[in-house]
Amino acid sequence: MPTYTDQLNRKVEIPEAPQRIISLIPSQTELLADFGLVDRIVGVTKFCIHPQGLKKEKQIIGGTKNFHFDKIDALQPDLIIGNKEENYQEGIEKLAEKYPVWISDIYTLKDSLEMMAMLAEITGVQDLAQDLISEISTSLQQPLPKLGTAIYLIWNNPIMCAGQDNFINVMLNVAGFENLIQESRYPELSISTIASLHPDFLLLSSEPFPFKVQHLKIFEAHLPKTKVMIVDGELFSWYGSRLKKSMDYFNELHKRINK
């Protein structure tokens, strides 16, 4: 049985061209579908919303941080793919006792492209995947002109934001924003702290917390000199094939801001 190294540097024995794949991460589920592997996917999470309709065809095995092990056992997967940040360690370790579990660890665009190439090799679709990887690499290699400083919120109550050392921070730079938050990962903030930093932009992500217009109005009242915007969180944080849509979206943001 071939042995592959995942992005945590773990050695994983995986059958050649696995046929019963469970994906524990929405962005990687979409990637498998774009690799033409829908028929090989047997299980997904309740958050795997792309491609549309896939959840109705596949077994839902829980969320990204609460797996239904009985449903996974019933599927008898020959490959499970997950992610260090989005999944929970205890669950991954339990699955790895029974099944081949390959884990991604994404901080940069390079990490993302490597993940795509590795999964293409594991599943035997390198030729098909190469065009997609090349398209994404080319479209995102040149950051857009600077728009100004920004704070990017991912959660409300408590308010949490994207700091350094994560994929969102990289995508903010590509989109032309300077992240004001220097703390690592996803620190908590108060509205008063946000106001004291005087960001040019406050970006409210559509996920994982679904910021809506009512939230926007609250922040606008506290930050009258800041441009508060709801943005598509998938195009800032999903590190699979959805990246092929990110640059077009960022260009549209520039048009909205500069008009």
C-alpha atoms as a PDB file:
ATOM      1  CA  MET A   1       0.000   0.000   0.000  1.00  0.00           C
ATOM      2  CA  PRO A   2       1.475   3.407  -0.973  1.00  0.00           C
ATOM      3  CA  THR A   3       2.605   5.693   1.851  1.00  0.00           C
ATOM      4  CA  TYR A   4       2.013   9.443   1.658  1.00  0.00           C
ATOM      5  CA  THR A   5       3.151  12.299   3.908  1.00  0.00           C
ATOM      6  CA  ASP A   6       0.498  14.780   4.957  1.00  0.00           C
ATOM      7  CA  GLN A   7       1.053  18.440   5.882  1.00  0.00           C
ATOM      8  CA  LEU A   8       1.676  17.551   9.515  1.00  0.00           C
ATOM      9  CA  ASN A   9       4.529  15.364   8.299  1.00  0.00           C
ATOM     10  CA  ARG A  10       2.606  12.223   9.274  1.00  0.00           C
ATOM     11  CA  LYS A  11       3.123   9.070   7.237  1.00  0.00           C
ATOM     12  CA  VAL A  12      -0.215   7.691   6.050  1.00  0.00           C
ATOM     13  CA  GLU A  13      -0.764   4.419   4.197  1.00  0.00           C
ATOM     14  CA  ILE A  14      -3.514   4.967   1.623  1.00  0.00           C
ATOM     15  CA  PRO A  15      -4.856   2.483  -0.947  1.00  0.00           C
ATOM     16  CA  GLU A  16      -4.048   3.323  -4.538  1.00  0.00           C
ATOM     17  CA  ALA A  17      -6.784   5.550  -6.045  1.00  0.00           C
ATOM     18  CA  PRO A  18      -9.066   5.461  -2.948  1.00  0.00           C
ATOM     19  CA  GLN A  19     -12.723   4.893  -3.796  1.00  0.00           C
ATOM     20  CA  ARG A  20     -14.554   5.651  -0.521  1.00  0.00           C
ATOM     21  CA  ILE A  21     -13.514   9.118   0.625  1.00  0.00           C
ATOM     22  CA  ILE A  22     -14.862  11.095   3.568  1.00  0.00           C
ATOM     23  CA  SER A  23     -14.100  14.828   3.629  1.00  0.00           C
ATOM     24  CA  LEU A  24     -14.216  16.618   6.971  1.00  0.00           C
ATOM     25  CA  ILE A  25     -13.601  20.086   5.488  1.00  0.00           C
ATOM     26  CA  PRO A  26     -15.974  22.063   3.207  1.00  0.00           C
ATOM     27  CA  SER A  27     -13.273  23.668   1.064  1.00  0.00           C
ATOM     28  CA  GLN A  28     -11.576  20.310   0.487  1.00  0.00           C
ATOM     29  CA  THR A  29     -14.912  18.667  -0.325  1.00  0.00           C
ATOM     30  CA  GLU A  30     -15.431  21.225  -3.078  1.00  0.00           C
ATOM     31  CA  LEU A  31     -11.877  20.593  -4.275  1.00  0.00           C
ATOM     32  CA  LEU A  32     -12.518  16.857  -4.621  1.00  0.00           C
ATOM     33  CA  ALA A  33     -15.661  17.623  -6.613  1.00  0.00           C
ATOM     34  CA  ASP A  34     -13.716  19.934  -8.920  1.00  0.00           C
ATOM     35  CA  PHE A  35     -11.178  17.136  -9.350  1.00  0.00           C
ATOM     36  CA  GLY A  36     -14.060  15.079 -10.785  1.00  0.00           C
ATOM     37  CA  LEU A  37     -14.258  12.781  -7.761  1.00  0.00           C
ATOM     38  CA  VAL A  38     -17.891  13.209  -6.682  1.00  0.00           C
ATOM     39  CA  ASP A  39     -18.612   9.512  -7.233  1.00  0.00           C
ATOM     40  CA  ARG A  40     -15.799   8.584  -4.831  1.00  0.00           C
ATOM     41  CA  ILE A  41     -17.021  10.836  -2.003  1.00  0.00           C
ATOM     42  CA  VAL A  42     -19.166   8.856   0.447  1.00  0.00           C
ATOM     43  CA  GLY A  43     -19.326  11.189   3.449  1.00  0.00           C
ATOM     44  CA  VAL A  44     -19.240  14.948   4.135  1.00  0.00           C
ATOM     45  CA  THR A  45     -19.960  17.372   6.974  1.00  0.00           C
ATOM     46  CA  LYS A  46     -23.141  19.377   7.399  1.00  0.00           C
ATOM     47  CA  PHE A  47     -21.121  22.463   6.396  1.00  0.00           C
ATOM     48  CA  CYS A  48     -20.079  21.062   2.994  1.00  0.00           C
ATOM     49  CA  ILE A  49     -22.393  23.304   0.978  1.00  0.00           C
ATOM     50  CA  HIS A  50     -20.460  23.229  -2.316  1.00  0.00           C
ATOM     51  CA  PRO A  51     -21.125  21.929  -4.858  1.00  0.00           C
ATOM     52  CA  GLN A  52     -24.824  22.608  -4.471  1.00  0.00           C
ATOM     53  CA  GLY A  53     -26.867  19.512  -3.769  1.00  0.00           C
ATOM     54  CA  LEU A  54     -23.948  17.303  -2.762  1.00  0.00           C
ATOM     55  CA  LYS A  55     -25.144  17.006   0.852  1.00  0.00           C
ATOM     56  CA  LYS A  56     -28.395  15.439  -0.351  1.00  0.00           C
ATOM     57  CA  GLU A  57     -26.468  12.713  -2.140  1.00  0.00           C
ATOM     58  CA  LYS A  58     -23.897  11.860   0.539  1.00  0.00           C
ATOM     59  CA  GLN A  59     -23.942  10.697   4.148  1.00  0.00           C
ATOM     60  CA  ILE A  60     -23.640  13.561   6.644  1.00  0.00           C
ATOM     61  CA  ILE A  61     -21.122  12.485   9.272  1.00  0.00           C
ATOM     62  CA  GLY A  62     -21.610  15.447  11.623  1.00  0.00           C
ATOM     63  CA  GLY A  63     -19.792  18.770  11.750  1.00  0.00           C
ATOM     64  CA  THR A  64     -16.141  19.688  11.524  1.00  0.00           C
ATOM     65  CA  LYS A  65     -15.723  19.413  15.304  1.00  0.00           C
ATOM     66  CA  ASN A  66     -18.217  16.678  16.213  1.00  0.00           C
ATOM     67  CA  PHE A  67     -18.010  13.475  14.187  1.00  0.00           C
ATOM     68  CA  HIS A  68     -20.644  10.743  14.231  1.00  0.00           C
ATOM     69  CA  PHE A  69     -18.310   7.768  14.467  1.00  0.00           C
ATOM     70  CA  ASP A  70     -21.074   5.216  13.916  1.00  0.00           C
ATOM     71  CA  LYS A  71     -21.947   6.783  10.574  1.00  0.00           C
ATOM     72  CA  ILE A  72     -18.298   6.893   9.575  1.00  0.00           C
ATOM     73  CA  ASP A  73     -17.839   3.234  10.521  1.00  0.00           C
ATOM     74  CA  ALA A  74     -20.849   2.283   8.411  1.00  0.00           C
ATOM     75  CA  LEU A  75     -19.249   3.938   5.376  1.00  0.00           C
ATOM     76  CA  GLN A  76     -15.959   2.010   5.755  1.00  0.00           C
ATOM     77  CA  PRO A  77     -13.844   4.775   4.155  1.00  0.00           C
ATOM     78  CA  ASP A  78     -10.495   4.027   2.548  1.00  0.00           C
ATOM     79  CA  LEU A  79      -9.462   7.714   2.935  1.00  0.00           C
ATOM     80  CA  ILE A  80     -10.503  10.505   5.287  1.00  0.00           C
ATOM     81  CA  ILE A  81      -9.218  14.026   4.671  1.00  0.00           C
ATOM     82  CA  GLY A  82      -9.255  16.756   7.311  1.00  0.00           C
ATOM     83  CA  ASN A  83      -7.476  19.882   8.492  1.00  0.00           C
ATOM     84  CA  LYS A  84      -5.500  20.619  11.653  1.00  0.00           C
ATOM     85  CA  GLU A  85      -7.210  23.931  12.431  1.00  0.00           C
ATOM     86  CA  GLU A  86     -10.787  23.170  11.441  1.00  0.00           C
ATOM     87  CA  ASN A  87     -11.120  19.672  12.908  1.00  0.00           C
ATOM     88  CA  TYR A  88     -10.633  18.567  16.508  1.00  0.00           C
ATOM     89  CA  GLN A  89      -7.568  16.589  17.491  1.00  0.00           C
ATOM     90  CA  GLU A  90      -9.325  14.003  19.654  1.00  0.00           C
ATOM     91  CA  GLY A  91     -11.692  13.067  16.848  1.00  0.00           C
ATOM     92  CA  ILE A  92      -8.940  12.880  14.248  1.00  0.00           C
ATOM     93  CA  GLU A  93      -6.823  10.663  16.484  1.00  0.00           C
ATOM     94  CA  LYS A  94      -9.744   8.303  17.072  1.00  0.00           C
ATOM     95  CA  LEU A  95     -10.402   8.016  13.333  1.00  0.00           C
ATOM     96  CA  ALA A  96      -6.713   7.455  12.600  1.00  0.00           C
ATOM     97  CA  GLU A  97      -6.767   4.333  14.753  1.00  0.00           C
ATOM     98  CA  LYS A  98      -9.017   2.683  12.140  1.00  0.00           C
ATOM     99  CA  TYR A  99      -8.662   4.519   8.838  1.00  0.00           C
ATOM    100  CA  PRO A 100      -6.147   6.348   6.657  1.00  0.00           C
ATOM    101  CA  VAL A 101      -6.498  10.003   7.726  1.00  0.00           C
ATOM    102  CA  TRP A 102      -4.659  12.662   5.715  1.00  0.00           C
ATOM    103  CA  ILE A 103      -4.474  16.126   7.321  1.00  0.00           C
ATOM    104  CA  SER A 104      -3.813  19.495   5.704  1.00  0.00           C
ATOM    105  CA  ASP A 105      -2.271  22.456   7.543  1.00  0.00           C
ATOM    106  CA  ILE A 106      -2.774  25.728   5.681  1.00  0.00           C
ATOM    107  CA  TYR A 107      -1.136  29.042   6.509  1.00  0.00           C
ATOM    108  CA  THR A 108      -0.085  30.340   3.073  1.00  0.00           C
ATOM    109  CA  LEU A 109      -1.026  30.135  -0.582  1.00  0.00           C
ATOM    110  CA  LYS A 110       1.944  27.830  -1.049  1.00  0.00           C
ATOM    111  CA  ASP A 111       0.483  25.483   1.577  1.00  0.00           C
ATOM    112  CA  SER A 112      -2.841  25.550  -0.236  1.00  0.00           C
ATOM    113  CA  LEU A 113      -1.344  24.744  -3.627  1.00  0.00           C
ATOM    114  CA  GLU A 114       0.741  21.957  -2.102  1.00  0.00           C
ATOM    115  CA  MET A 115      -2.379  20.485  -0.491  1.00  0.00           C
ATOM    116  CA  MET A 116      -4.136  20.452  -3.857  1.00  0.00           C
ATOM    117  CA  ALA A 117      -1.192  18.788  -5.571  1.00  0.00           C
ATOM    118  CA  MET A 118      -0.863  16.185  -2.805  1.00  0.00           C
ATOM    119  CA  LEU A 119      -4.554  15.240  -2.895  1.00  0.00           C
ATOM    120  CA  ALA A 120      -4.414  15.065  -6.686  1.00  0.00           C
ATOM    121  CA  GLU A 121      -1.521  12.608  -6.435  1.00  0.00           C
ATOM    122  CA  ILE A 122      -3.252  10.504  -3.777  1.00  0.00           C
ATOM    123  CA  THR A 123      -6.439  10.256  -5.826  1.00  0.00           C
ATOM    124  CA  GLY A 124      -4.659   9.805  -9.158  1.00  0.00           C
ATOM    125  CA  VAL A 125      -5.958  12.911 -10.946  1.00  0.00           C
ATOM    126  CA  GLN A 126      -2.714  14.878 -11.351  1.00  0.00           C
ATOM    127  CA  ASP A 127      -3.309  15.744 -15.017  1.00  0.00           C
ATOM    128  CA  LEU A 128      -6.782  17.131 -14.401  1.00  0.00           C
ATOM    129  CA  ALA A 129      -5.709  19.004 -11.281  1.00  0.00           C
ATOM    130  CA  GLN A 130      -2.669  20.688 -12.782  1.00  0.00           C
ATOM    131  CA  ASP A 131      -4.708  23.167 -14.835  1.00  0.00           C
ATOM    132  CA  LEU A 132      -6.737  24.173 -11.768  1.00  0.00           C
ATOM    133  CA  ILE A 133      -3.635  24.594  -9.606  1.00  0.00           C
ATOM    134  CA  SER A 134      -1.912  26.638 -12.299  1.00  0.00           C
ATOM    135  CA  GLU A 135      -4.980  28.864 -12.748  1.00  0.00           C
ATOM    136  CA  ILE A 136      -5.182  29.621  -9.038  1.00  0.00           C
ATOM    137  CA  SER A 137      -1.446  30.172  -8.666  1.00  0.00           C
ATOM    138  CA  THR A 138      -1.360  32.615 -11.577  1.00  0.00           C
ATOM    139  CA  SER A 139      -4.436  34.579 -10.512  1.00  0.00           C
ATOM    140  CA  LEU A 140      -3.295  35.176  -6.925  1.00  0.00           C
ATOM    141  CA  GLN A 141       0.442  35.675  -7.270  1.00  0.00           C
ATOM    142  CA  GLN A 142       0.259  39.461  -7.645  1.00  0.00           C
ATOM    143  CA  PRO A 143      -1.454  41.343  -4.768  1.00  0.00           C
ATOM    144  CA  LEU A 144      -3.839  44.137  -5.711  1.00  0.00           C
ATOM    145  CA  PRO A 145      -3.046  47.815  -4.982  1.00  0.00           C
ATOM    146  CA  LYS A 146      -3.350  48.849  -1.340  1.00  0.00           C
ATOM    147  CA  LEU A 147      -6.783  49.980  -0.202  1.00  0.00           C
ATOM    148  CA  GLY A 148      -5.970  50.827   3.414  1.00  0.00           C
ATOM    149  CA  THR A 149      -5.916  49.326   6.878  1.00  0.00           C
ATOM    150  CA  ALA A 150      -8.480  46.750   7.915  1.00  0.00           C
ATOM    151  CA  ILE A 151      -9.787  44.558  10.700  1.00  0.00           C
ATOM    152  CA  TYR A 152     -11.490  41.335   9.611  1.00  0.00           C
ATOM    153  CA  LEU A 153     -14.095  39.902  12.002  1.00  0.00           C
ATOM    154  CA  ILE A 154     -14.923  36.197  12.008  1.00  0.00           C
ATOM    155  CA  TRP A 155     -17.185  36.003  15.080  1.00  0.00           C
ATOM    156  CA  ASN A 156     -19.577  38.045  17.181  1.00  0.00           C
ATOM    157  CA  ASN A 157     -20.202  37.809  20.935  1.00  0.00           C
ATOM    158  CA  PRO A 158     -17.366  37.492  21.624  1.00  0.00           C
ATOM    159  CA  ILE A 159     -15.967  39.583  18.808  1.00  0.00           C
ATOM    160  CA  MET A 160     -13.099  37.674  17.201  1.00  0.00           C
ATOM    161  CA  CYS A 161     -10.878  38.722  14.339  1.00  0.00           C
ATOM    162  CA  ALA A 162      -8.230  37.334  12.012  1.00  0.00           C
ATOM    163  CA  GLY A 163      -4.756  38.195  13.259  1.00  0.00           C
ATOM    164  CA  GLN A 164      -1.410  37.043  11.917  1.00  0.00           C
ATOM    165  CA  ASP A 165      -0.339  33.458  11.146  1.00  0.00           C
ATOM    166  CA  ASN A 166      -3.436  32.322   9.312  1.00  0.00           C
ATOM    167  CA  PHE A 167      -4.714  31.992   5.759  1.00  0.00           C
ATOM    168  CA  ILE A 168      -7.165  34.908   6.002  1.00  0.00           C
ATOM    169  CA  ASN A 169      -4.303  37.273   6.762  1.00  0.00           C
ATOM    170  CA  VAL A 170      -2.583  36.186   3.533  1.00  0.00           C
ATOM    171  CA  MET A 171      -5.756  36.741   1.518  1.00  0.00           C
ATOM    172  CA  LEU A 172      -6.290  40.179   3.059  1.00  0.00           C
ATOM    173  CA  ASN A 173      -2.883  41.149   1.702  1.00  0.00           C
ATOM    174  CA  VAL A 174      -3.703  39.741  -1.742  1.00  0.00           C
ATOM    175  CA  ALA A 175      -6.933  41.769  -1.729  1.00  0.00           C
ATOM    176  CA  GLY A 176      -5.066  44.975  -0.898  1.00  0.00           C
ATOM    177  CA  PHE A 177      -5.827  45.338   2.821  1.00  0.00           C
ATOM    178  CA  GLU A 178      -3.255  45.910   5.586  1.00  0.00           C
ATOM    179  CA  ASN A 179      -4.269  43.857   8.605  1.00  0.00           C
ATOM    180  CA  LEU A 180      -4.077  46.055  11.705  1.00  0.00           C
ATOM    181  CA  ILE A 181      -4.170  43.107  14.095  1.00  0.00           C
ATOM    182  CA  GLN A 182      -0.668  41.990  15.022  1.00  0.00           C
ATOM    183  CA  GLU A 183      -1.594  39.262  17.498  1.00  0.00           C
ATOM    184  CA  SER A 184      -1.366  35.686  16.274  1.00  0.00           C
ATOM    185  CA  ARG A 185      -4.295  33.603  15.082  1.00  0.00           C
ATOM    186  CA  TYR A 186      -7.812  34.785  16.128  1.00  0.00           C
ATOM    187  CA  PRO A 187      -7.775  37.175  19.099  1.00  0.00           C
ATOM    188  CA  GLU A 188     -10.852  38.605  20.811  1.00  0.00           C
ATOM    189  CA  LEU A 189     -11.535  42.341  20.581  1.00  0.00           C
ATOM    190  CA  SER A 190     -13.970  44.850  22.030  1.00  0.00           C
ATOM    191  CA  ILE A 191     -15.703  47.498  19.958  1.00  0.00           C
ATOM    192  CA  SER A 192     -13.788  50.158  21.893  1.00  0.00           C
ATOM    193  CA  THR A 193     -10.472  48.512  20.975  1.00  0.00           C
ATOM    194  CA  ILE A 194     -11.489  48.372  17.331  1.00  0.00           C
ATOM    195  CA  ALA A 195     -12.419  52.060  17.439  1.00  0.00           C
ATOM    196  CA  SER A 196      -9.088  52.952  19.057  1.00  0.00           C
ATOM    197  CA  LEU A 197      -7.203  51.351  16.142  1.00  0.00           C
ATOM    198  CA  HIS A 198      -8.988  53.628  13.598  1.00  0.00           C
ATOM    199  CA  PRO A 199      -9.188  51.085  10.749  1.00  0.00           C
ATOM    200  CA  ASP A 200     -10.002  52.349   7.282  1.00  0.00           C
ATOM    201  CA  PHE A 201     -12.163  49.237   6.815  1.00  0.00           C
ATOM    202  CA  LEU A 202     -14.000  46.861   9.116  1.00  0.00           C
ATOM    203  CA  LEU A 203     -14.733  43.672   7.212  1.00  0.00           C
ATOM    204  CA  LEU A 204     -17.547  41.488   8.557  1.00  0.00           C
ATOM    205  CA  SER A 205     -17.189  37.971   7.221  1.00  0.00           C
ATOM    206  CA  SER A 206     -20.216  36.001   6.047  1.00  0.00           C
ATOM    207  CA  GLU A 207     -18.775  32.947   7.814  1.00  0.00           C
ATOM    208  CA  PRO A 208     -18.169  31.249  10.185  1.00  0.00           C
ATOM    209  CA  PHE A 209     -20.406  33.793  11.949  1.00  0.00           C
ATOM    210  CA  PRO A 210     -23.062  35.021   9.505  1.00  0.00           C
ATOM    211  CA  PHE A 211     -22.783  38.782   9.921  1.00  0.00           C
ATOM    212  CA  LYS A 212     -25.883  40.579   8.641  1.00  0.00           C
ATOM    213  CA  VAL A 213     -27.020  44.150   8.008  1.00  0.00           C
ATOM    214  CA  GLN A 214     -28.129  44.584  11.626  1.00  0.00           C
ATOM    215  CA  HIS A 215     -24.584  43.876  12.802  1.00  0.00           C
ATOM    216  CA  LEU A 216     -23.172  46.237  10.201  1.00  0.00           C
ATOM    217  CA  LYS A 217     -25.351  49.077  11.486  1.00  0.00           C
ATOM    218  CA  ILE A 218     -24.194  48.516  15.075  1.00  0.00           C
ATOM    219  CA  PHE A 219     -20.542  48.727  14.078  1.00  0.00           C
ATOM    220  CA  GLU A 220     -21.198  51.762  11.862  1.00  0.00           C
ATOM    221  CA  ALA A 221     -22.682  53.590  14.855  1.00  0.00           C
ATOM    222  CA  HIS A 222     -19.469  53.004  16.836  1.00  0.00           C
ATOM    223  CA  LEU A 223     -17.086  53.617  13.919  1.00  0.00           C
ATOM    224  CA  PRO A 224     -18.415  56.615  11.969  1.00  0.00           C
ATOM    225  CA  LYS A 225     -15.109  57.193  10.146  1.00  0.00           C
ATOM    226  CA  THR A 226     -14.596  53.542   9.174  1.00  0.00           C
ATOM    227  CA  LYS A 227     -16.022  51.868   6.067  1.00  0.00           C
ATOM    228  CA  VAL A 228     -17.885  48.825   7.408  1.00  0.00           C
ATOM    229  CA  MET A 229     -18.553  46.081   4.854  1.00  0.00           C
ATOM    230  CA  ILE A 230     -19.938  42.549   4.816  1.00  0.00           C
ATOM    231  CA  VAL A 231     -17.630  40.368   2.729  1.00  0.00           C
ATOM    232  CA  ASP A 232     -17.785  36.843   1.354  1.00  0.00           C
ATOM    233  CA  GLY A 233     -15.908  34.756   3.908  1.00  0.00           C
ATOM    234  CA  GLU A 234     -15.531  31.812   1.546  1.00  0.00           C
ATOM    235  CA  LEU A 235     -13.410  33.874  -0.823  1.00  0.00           C
ATOM    236  CA  PHE A 236     -11.117  35.024   1.992  1.00  0.00           C
ATOM    237  CA  SER A 237     -10.803  31.747   3.910  1.00  0.00           C
ATOM    238  CA  TRP A 238     -11.548  28.685   1.766  1.00  0.00           C
ATOM    239  CA  TYR A 239      -8.218  27.275   0.625  1.00  0.00           C
ATOM    240  CA  GLY A 240      -9.430  24.814  -2.007  1.00  0.00           C
ATOM    241  CA  SER A 241     -10.657  25.306  -5.546  1.00  0.00           C
ATOM    242  CA  ARG A 242     -12.909  28.236  -4.514  1.00  0.00           C
ATOM    243  CA  LEU A 243      -9.700  30.283  -4.706  1.00  0.00           C
ATOM    244  CA  LYS A 244     -10.167  30.422  -8.467  1.00  0.00           C
ATOM    245  CA  LYS A 245     -13.013  32.903  -7.788  1.00  0.00           C
ATOM    246  CA  SER A 246     -11.214  35.018  -5.199  1.00  0.00           C
ATOM    247  CA  MET A 247      -9.368  37.478  -7.432  1.00  0.00           C
ATOM    248  CA  ASP A 248     -12.476  38.357  -9.449  1.00  0.00           C
ATOM    249  CA  TYR A 249     -14.261  39.026  -6.161  1.00  0.00           C
ATOM    250  CA  PHE A 250     -11.399  41.164  -4.837  1.00  0.00           C
ATOM    251  CA  ASN A 251     -11.416  43.207  -8.051  1.00  0.00           C
ATOM    252  CA  GLU A 252     -15.143  43.800  -7.596  1.00  0.00           C
ATOM    253  CA  LEU A 253     -14.457  44.962  -4.022  1.00  0.00           C
ATOM    254  CA  HIS A 254     -11.972  47.501  -5.392  1.00  0.00           C
ATOM    255  CA  LYS A 255     -14.573  48.804  -7.840  1.00  0.00           C
ATOM    256  CA  ARG A 256     -17.155  49.160  -5.045  1.00  0.00           C
ATOM    257  CA  ILE A 257     -14.704  50.979  -2.802  1.00  0.00           C
ATOM    258  CA  ASN A 258     -13.220  53.254  -5.456  1.00  0.00           C
ATOM    259  CA  LYS A 259     -16.403  54.267  -7.273  1.00  0.00           C
END
